[in-house]
N, C-alpha and C. Protein backbone atom coordinates (compact mmCIF):
# COMPACT_ATOMS: atom_id res chain seq x y z
N MET A 1 1.12 -1.34 -0.31
CA MET A 1 0.20 -0.05 0.23
C MET A 1 0.96 1.78 0.06
N ALA A 2 0.60 2.09 -1.12
CA ALA A 2 1.77 3.23 -0.79
C ALA A 2 1.61 4.16 0.60
N LYS A 3 2.21 4.87 0.51
CA LYS A 3 2.62 5.69 1.40
C LYS A 3 1.57 7.06 1.91
N SER A 4 0.43 7.72 2.31
CA SER A 4 -0.07 8.98 2.49
C SER A 4 0.66 9.99 2.14
N SER A 5 0.50 10.77 1.62
CA SER A 5 1.51 12.15 1.56
C SER A 5 1.62 13.04 2.69
N TYR A 6 0.58 12.57 4.05
CA TYR A 6 0.89 13.05 5.19
C TYR A 6 1.74 12.19 6.05
N GLU A 7 1.93 10.39 5.98
CA GLU A 7 2.76 10.41 5.81
C GLU A 7 4.29 10.69 5.56
N VAL A 8 4.38 10.65 4.20
CA VAL A 8 5.43 11.29 3.42
C VAL A 8 5.87 12.76 4.06
N PHE A 9 5.37 13.23 4.54
CA PHE A 9 5.55 14.91 5.45
C PHE A 9 5.97 14.39 6.23
N ARG A 10 5.14 13.30 7.21
CA ARG A 10 5.98 12.86 8.68
C ARG A 10 7.54 12.37 8.83
N LYS A 11 7.43 11.65 7.74
CA LYS A 11 8.74 11.02 7.90
C LYS A 11 10.39 12.60 7.36
N GLU A 12 9.71 12.68 6.55
CA GLU A 12 10.68 13.83 5.68
C GLU A 12 10.99 15.23 6.89
N CYS A 13 9.14 15.50 7.38
CA CYS A 13 9.42 16.70 8.61
C CYS A 13 9.08 16.71 9.76
N PRO A 14 9.66 15.89 10.16
CA PRO A 14 8.78 15.18 11.72
C PRO A 14 8.84 16.16 12.63
N GLU A 15 9.48 17.23 12.64
CA GLU A 15 9.93 18.52 14.01
C GLU A 15 8.56 19.17 13.36
N LEU A 16 8.60 19.24 12.00
CA LEU A 16 7.54 20.69 11.81
C LEU A 16 5.94 19.95 11.79
N GLU A 17 6.13 18.05 11.55
CA GLU A 17 4.86 17.56 11.89
C GLU A 17 4.44 17.59 13.05
N GLU A 18 5.49 17.66 14.27
CA GLU A 18 4.94 17.58 15.37
C GLU A 18 4.59 19.01 15.82
N ARG A 19 5.41 20.16 15.13
CA ARG A 19 4.71 21.62 15.84
C ARG A 19 3.23 21.37 15.14
N PHE A 20 2.94 20.98 13.92
CA PHE A 20 1.81 21.24 13.26
C PHE A 20 0.48 20.35 14.51
N ASN A 21 0.78 19.37 14.80
CA ASN A 21 0.14 18.26 15.23
C ASN A 21 -0.42 19.17 16.93
N ASN A 22 0.35 20.07 17.10
CA ASN A 22 0.47 20.86 18.32
C ASN A 22 -0.67 21.90 18.21
N LEU A 23 -0.57 22.34 17.23
CA LEU A 23 -1.82 22.98 16.44
C LEU A 23 -2.77 22.70 16.48
N VAL A 24 -3.23 21.23 15.70
CA VAL A 24 -4.45 20.48 15.39
C VAL A 24 -4.54 20.64 17.35
N GLU A 25 -4.23 20.41 17.78
CA GLU A 25 -4.54 19.70 19.27
C GLU A 25 -4.83 20.91 20.22
N VAL A 26 -4.87 22.59 19.67
CA VAL A 26 -5.53 23.47 20.27
C VAL A 26 -6.13 24.06 19.50
N GLN A 27 -5.90 23.85 18.53
CA GLN A 27 -7.43 23.92 17.90
C GLN A 27 -8.98 23.24 17.96
N ARG A 28 -8.73 21.72 18.39
CA ARG A 28 -9.26 20.76 18.69
C ARG A 28 -9.94 20.87 20.07
N THR A 29 -9.81 22.10 21.00
CA THR A 29 -9.95 22.03 22.39
C THR A 29 -10.84 23.58 22.25
N LEU A 30 -10.62 24.17 21.40
CA LEU A 30 -11.09 25.32 21.47
C LEU A 30 -12.63 25.15 21.77
N SER A 31 -13.65 26.65 22.43
CA SER A 31 -14.89 26.07 22.68
C SER A 31 -15.81 26.42 21.81
N GLY A 32 -16.92 26.53 22.14
CA GLY A 32 -18.33 27.40 20.80
C GLY A 32 -18.71 25.75 20.14
N LEU A 33 -17.68 25.53 19.17
CA LEU A 33 -18.22 23.87 18.66
C LEU A 33 -17.93 22.77 18.77
N ASP A 34 -19.14 21.94 18.86
CA ASP A 34 -18.51 20.87 19.33
C ASP A 34 -17.76 19.68 18.40
N ASN A 35 -17.69 18.55 18.54
CA ASN A 35 -16.24 17.91 17.49
C ASN A 35 -17.23 17.80 16.24
N LYS A 36 -18.50 17.43 16.66
CA LYS A 36 -19.20 16.58 15.56
C LYS A 36 -19.12 18.00 14.18
N THR A 37 -19.43 19.07 14.85
CA THR A 37 -19.55 19.93 13.77
C THR A 37 -18.38 20.17 13.45
N LYS A 38 -17.41 20.89 13.87
CA LYS A 38 -15.84 20.47 13.74
C LYS A 38 -15.37 19.87 12.25
N GLN A 39 -15.88 18.28 12.54
CA GLN A 39 -15.65 17.70 11.83
C GLN A 39 -16.46 17.81 10.18
N LEU A 40 -17.30 17.90 10.54
CA LEU A 40 -18.19 18.55 9.14
C LEU A 40 -17.46 19.94 8.66
N ILE A 41 -17.32 20.99 9.71
CA ILE A 41 -16.47 21.83 9.02
C ILE A 41 -15.30 22.10 8.20
N ASN A 42 -14.58 20.99 8.83
CA ASN A 42 -12.94 20.30 8.23
C ASN A 42 -13.51 19.56 6.39
N ILE A 43 -14.88 18.94 6.69
CA ILE A 43 -14.78 18.20 5.63
C ILE A 43 -15.21 19.18 4.93
N ALA A 44 -15.85 20.23 4.78
CA ALA A 44 -16.28 21.18 3.37
C ALA A 44 -15.08 22.19 3.36
N ILE A 45 -14.09 22.09 4.57
CA ILE A 45 -13.07 23.36 3.79
C ILE A 45 -11.88 22.01 2.94
N GLN A 46 -12.29 20.77 3.10
CA GLN A 46 -11.24 20.07 2.47
C GLN A 46 -11.79 19.99 1.46
N THR A 47 -12.98 20.04 1.19
CA THR A 47 -13.07 20.11 -0.05
C THR A 47 -12.99 20.93 -1.12
N ALA A 48 -13.41 22.62 -0.40
CA ALA A 48 -12.94 23.44 -1.02
C ALA A 48 -11.87 23.24 -1.26
N THR A 49 -10.76 23.09 -1.13
CA THR A 49 -9.42 23.05 -0.94
C THR A 49 -9.00 21.54 -2.11
N ARG A 50 -9.74 20.85 -1.91
CA ARG A 50 -9.86 19.40 -3.03
C ARG A 50 -8.58 19.13 -2.38
N ASN A 51 -9.03 18.27 -1.69
CA ASN A 51 -8.10 17.63 -0.85
C ASN A 51 -9.02 16.21 0.10
N PRO A 52 -8.92 15.28 -1.56
CA PRO A 52 -9.73 14.16 -0.92
C PRO A 52 -9.11 13.16 0.53
N GLU A 53 -7.69 13.10 0.61
CA GLU A 53 -7.34 12.46 1.78
C GLU A 53 -7.80 13.03 2.86
N GLY A 54 -7.63 14.72 2.86
CA GLY A 54 -7.99 15.24 4.04
C GLY A 54 -9.87 15.03 4.44
N VAL A 55 -10.33 14.90 3.15
CA VAL A 55 -11.82 14.67 3.32
C VAL A 55 -12.29 13.11 3.95
N ARG A 56 -11.31 11.90 3.17
CA ARG A 56 -11.22 11.31 3.64
C ARG A 56 -11.34 10.82 5.43
N LEU A 57 -10.32 11.29 6.34
CA LEU A 57 -9.76 10.97 7.15
C LEU A 57 -11.06 12.20 8.10
N HIS A 58 -10.98 13.21 7.52
CA HIS A 58 -12.45 13.90 8.39
C HIS A 58 -13.57 13.03 8.65
N ALA A 59 -13.91 12.57 7.26
CA ALA A 59 -15.37 11.72 7.02
C ALA A 59 -15.37 10.56 8.65
N ILE A 60 -13.89 10.30 8.67
CA ILE A 60 -14.45 9.40 9.34
C ILE A 60 -14.05 9.26 10.69
N MET A 61 -13.60 10.56 11.05
CA MET A 61 -13.31 11.81 12.67
C MET A 61 -15.00 12.07 12.78
N ALA A 62 -15.80 13.06 11.50
CA ALA A 62 -17.47 12.79 12.23
C ALA A 62 -17.99 11.84 12.11
N TRP A 63 -17.40 11.30 11.62
CA TRP A 63 -18.85 9.50 11.82
C TRP A 63 -18.59 9.01 13.49
N GLN A 64 -16.93 9.35 13.90
CA GLN A 64 -17.05 8.81 15.35
C GLN A 64 -17.28 9.57 16.00
N ALA A 65 -17.36 11.55 15.64
CA ALA A 65 -18.26 12.28 16.63
C ALA A 65 -19.43 11.82 16.80
N GLY A 66 -20.01 11.26 15.76
CA GLY A 66 -21.64 10.92 15.58
C GLY A 66 -22.64 11.55 14.71
N ALA A 67 -21.20 11.99 13.54
CA ALA A 67 -22.33 12.42 12.38
C ALA A 67 -22.47 11.38 11.17
N THR A 68 -23.76 11.65 10.51
CA THR A 68 -24.92 10.87 10.11
C THR A 68 -24.32 10.92 8.66
N ARG A 69 -24.04 10.08 7.34
CA ARG A 69 -23.73 10.09 6.48
C ARG A 69 -24.33 11.01 5.55
N ASP A 70 -25.93 11.30 6.01
CA ASP A 70 -26.40 12.36 4.70
C ASP A 70 -25.03 13.87 5.03
N GLU A 71 -25.17 14.25 6.53
CA GLU A 71 -24.76 15.48 7.21
C GLU A 71 -23.19 15.15 6.50
N ILE A 72 -22.11 13.95 6.32
CA ILE A 72 -21.38 14.33 5.62
C ILE A 72 -20.94 14.46 4.03
N VAL A 73 -22.10 13.82 3.98
CA VAL A 73 -22.64 14.11 2.46
C VAL A 73 -22.62 15.69 2.23
N GLY A 74 -23.87 15.73 2.84
CA GLY A 74 -23.95 17.23 2.69
C GLY A 74 -23.42 18.07 3.09
N ALA A 75 -22.20 17.78 3.94
CA ALA A 75 -20.98 19.19 4.03
C ALA A 75 -19.95 18.83 2.52
N ILE A 76 -20.09 18.10 1.96
CA ILE A 76 -19.12 18.39 0.76
C ILE A 76 -19.81 18.63 -0.28
N VAL A 77 -21.56 18.56 -0.74
CA VAL A 77 -22.17 18.99 -1.67
C VAL A 77 -22.87 20.42 -1.29
N MET A 78 -22.57 20.98 0.34
CA MET A 78 -22.03 22.74 -0.27
C MET A 78 -21.52 23.18 -0.98
N ASN A 79 -20.29 22.90 -0.97
CA ASN A 79 -19.28 23.63 -1.61
C ASN A 79 -19.78 23.76 -3.41
N LEU A 80 -20.82 23.01 -3.95
CA LEU A 80 -20.90 22.81 -5.36
C LEU A 80 -21.16 24.15 -6.19
N HIS A 81 -22.09 25.22 -5.49
CA HIS A 81 -22.54 26.38 -5.86
C HIS A 81 -21.11 27.44 -5.33
N LEU A 82 -19.65 27.04 -4.61
CA LEU A 82 -19.57 27.90 -4.05
C LEU A 82 -18.22 28.00 -5.08
N THR A 83 -17.71 26.37 -5.33
CA THR A 83 -16.30 25.96 -5.63
C THR A 83 -16.12 25.03 -7.13
N GLY A 84 -17.42 24.40 -7.11
CA GLY A 84 -17.82 24.16 -8.55
C GLY A 84 -18.03 23.15 -8.75
N LEU A 85 -18.29 21.66 -9.32
CA LEU A 85 -18.24 20.90 -9.05
C LEU A 85 -17.22 19.34 -9.20
N PHE A 86 -16.03 20.03 -9.32
CA PHE A 86 -15.39 19.19 -9.76
C PHE A 86 -14.24 18.70 -8.25
N GLY A 87 -14.74 19.34 -7.27
CA GLY A 87 -13.95 19.18 -5.90
C GLY A 87 -14.98 18.55 -5.70
N VAL A 88 -16.80 18.57 -5.43
CA VAL A 88 -17.53 17.98 -5.17
C VAL A 88 -16.87 16.19 -5.58
N LEU A 89 -16.81 15.91 -7.29
CA LEU A 89 -16.64 14.93 -7.87
C LEU A 89 -15.45 14.32 -7.41
N GLU A 90 -14.68 15.25 -6.83
CA GLU A 90 -13.56 14.65 -6.66
C GLU A 90 -13.47 14.20 -5.19
N CYS A 91 -13.95 14.60 -4.65
CA CYS A 91 -14.01 14.46 -2.44
C CYS A 91 -15.25 13.33 -2.05
N LEU A 92 -16.18 13.08 -2.70
CA LEU A 92 -16.93 12.75 -2.42
C LEU A 92 -17.17 11.17 -2.48
N PRO A 93 -16.45 10.74 -3.37
CA PRO A 93 -16.24 9.21 -3.41
C PRO A 93 -15.04 8.67 -1.97
N ALA A 94 -14.31 10.15 -1.79
CA ALA A 94 -12.96 9.51 -0.85
C ALA A 94 -14.10 9.96 0.68
N ALA A 95 -14.99 10.64 0.88
CA ALA A 95 -15.70 10.67 2.08
C ALA A 95 -16.58 8.97 2.08
N LEU A 96 -16.92 8.56 1.44
CA LEU A 96 -17.63 7.41 1.16
C LEU A 96 -16.61 6.45 1.63
N ASP A 97 -15.47 6.03 0.89
CA ASP A 97 -14.48 5.28 1.37
C ASP A 97 -14.11 5.70 2.50
N GLY A 98 -13.87 6.65 3.47
CA GLY A 98 -13.92 6.61 4.61
C GLY A 98 -15.08 6.36 5.23
N LEU A 99 -16.02 6.06 5.05
CA LEU A 99 -17.30 5.69 6.00
C LEU A 99 -17.14 3.84 5.52
N GLU A 100 -17.43 3.71 4.46
CA GLU A 100 -17.05 1.76 4.07
C GLU A 100 -15.58 1.71 5.33
N GLU A 101 -14.65 1.78 5.30
CA GLU A 101 -13.57 1.67 6.10
C GLU A 101 -14.46 1.67 7.82
N VAL A 102 -14.67 2.27 7.78
CA VAL A 102 -15.59 2.13 9.06
C VAL A 102 -15.89 1.50 9.16
N ARG A 103 -17.05 1.35 8.13
CA ARG A 103 -18.10 0.26 8.52
C ARG A 103 -17.49 -1.37 8.51
N LYS A 104 -16.54 -2.12 7.55
CA LYS A 104 -15.72 -3.04 7.56
C LYS A 104 -15.18 -3.31 8.55
N LYS A 105 -14.64 -2.11 9.53
CA LYS A 105 -13.76 -2.29 10.95
C LYS A 105 -14.58 -2.34 11.94
N LYS A 106 -15.78 -1.84 12.00
CA LYS A 106 -16.88 -2.12 13.31
C LYS A 106 -17.38 -3.83 12.94
N LYS A 107 -17.72 -3.74 11.53
CA LYS A 107 -18.01 -5.61 11.34
C LYS A 107 -17.40 -6.09 11.66
N LYS A 108 -15.57 -6.06 11.23
CA LYS A 108 -14.82 -7.26 11.92
C LYS A 108 -14.78 -7.01 13.88
N ARG A 109 -15.00 -5.90 14.17
CA ARG A 109 -15.23 -5.83 15.72
C ARG A 109 -16.46 -6.53 16.01
N ASP A 110 -17.63 -6.77 15.28
CA ASP A 110 -18.73 -7.40 16.14
C ASP A 110 -18.79 -8.65 15.70
């Protein structure tokens, strides 16, 4: 299996990756929004920036935070009129792949 782009970043820039993770952790602990909402926003942002890998990862985290499939799909398709069809077409399959990955892991545990 090929390494994800983040794994390459981690290997090539370990100090920067550690500092990046510190920033992410601070953002994660900010009050005002619950984790599910933060993840749905992340999905929308990752779609707008056309990052399918980020969409897949945040879809998994959103699901784990209680988001429904419809909410995750909705966060992606909100971009249709803002950033165009291509980002939606590029990122929607990635999100569904992430949800399928979670479903298969849960099925193995059950």
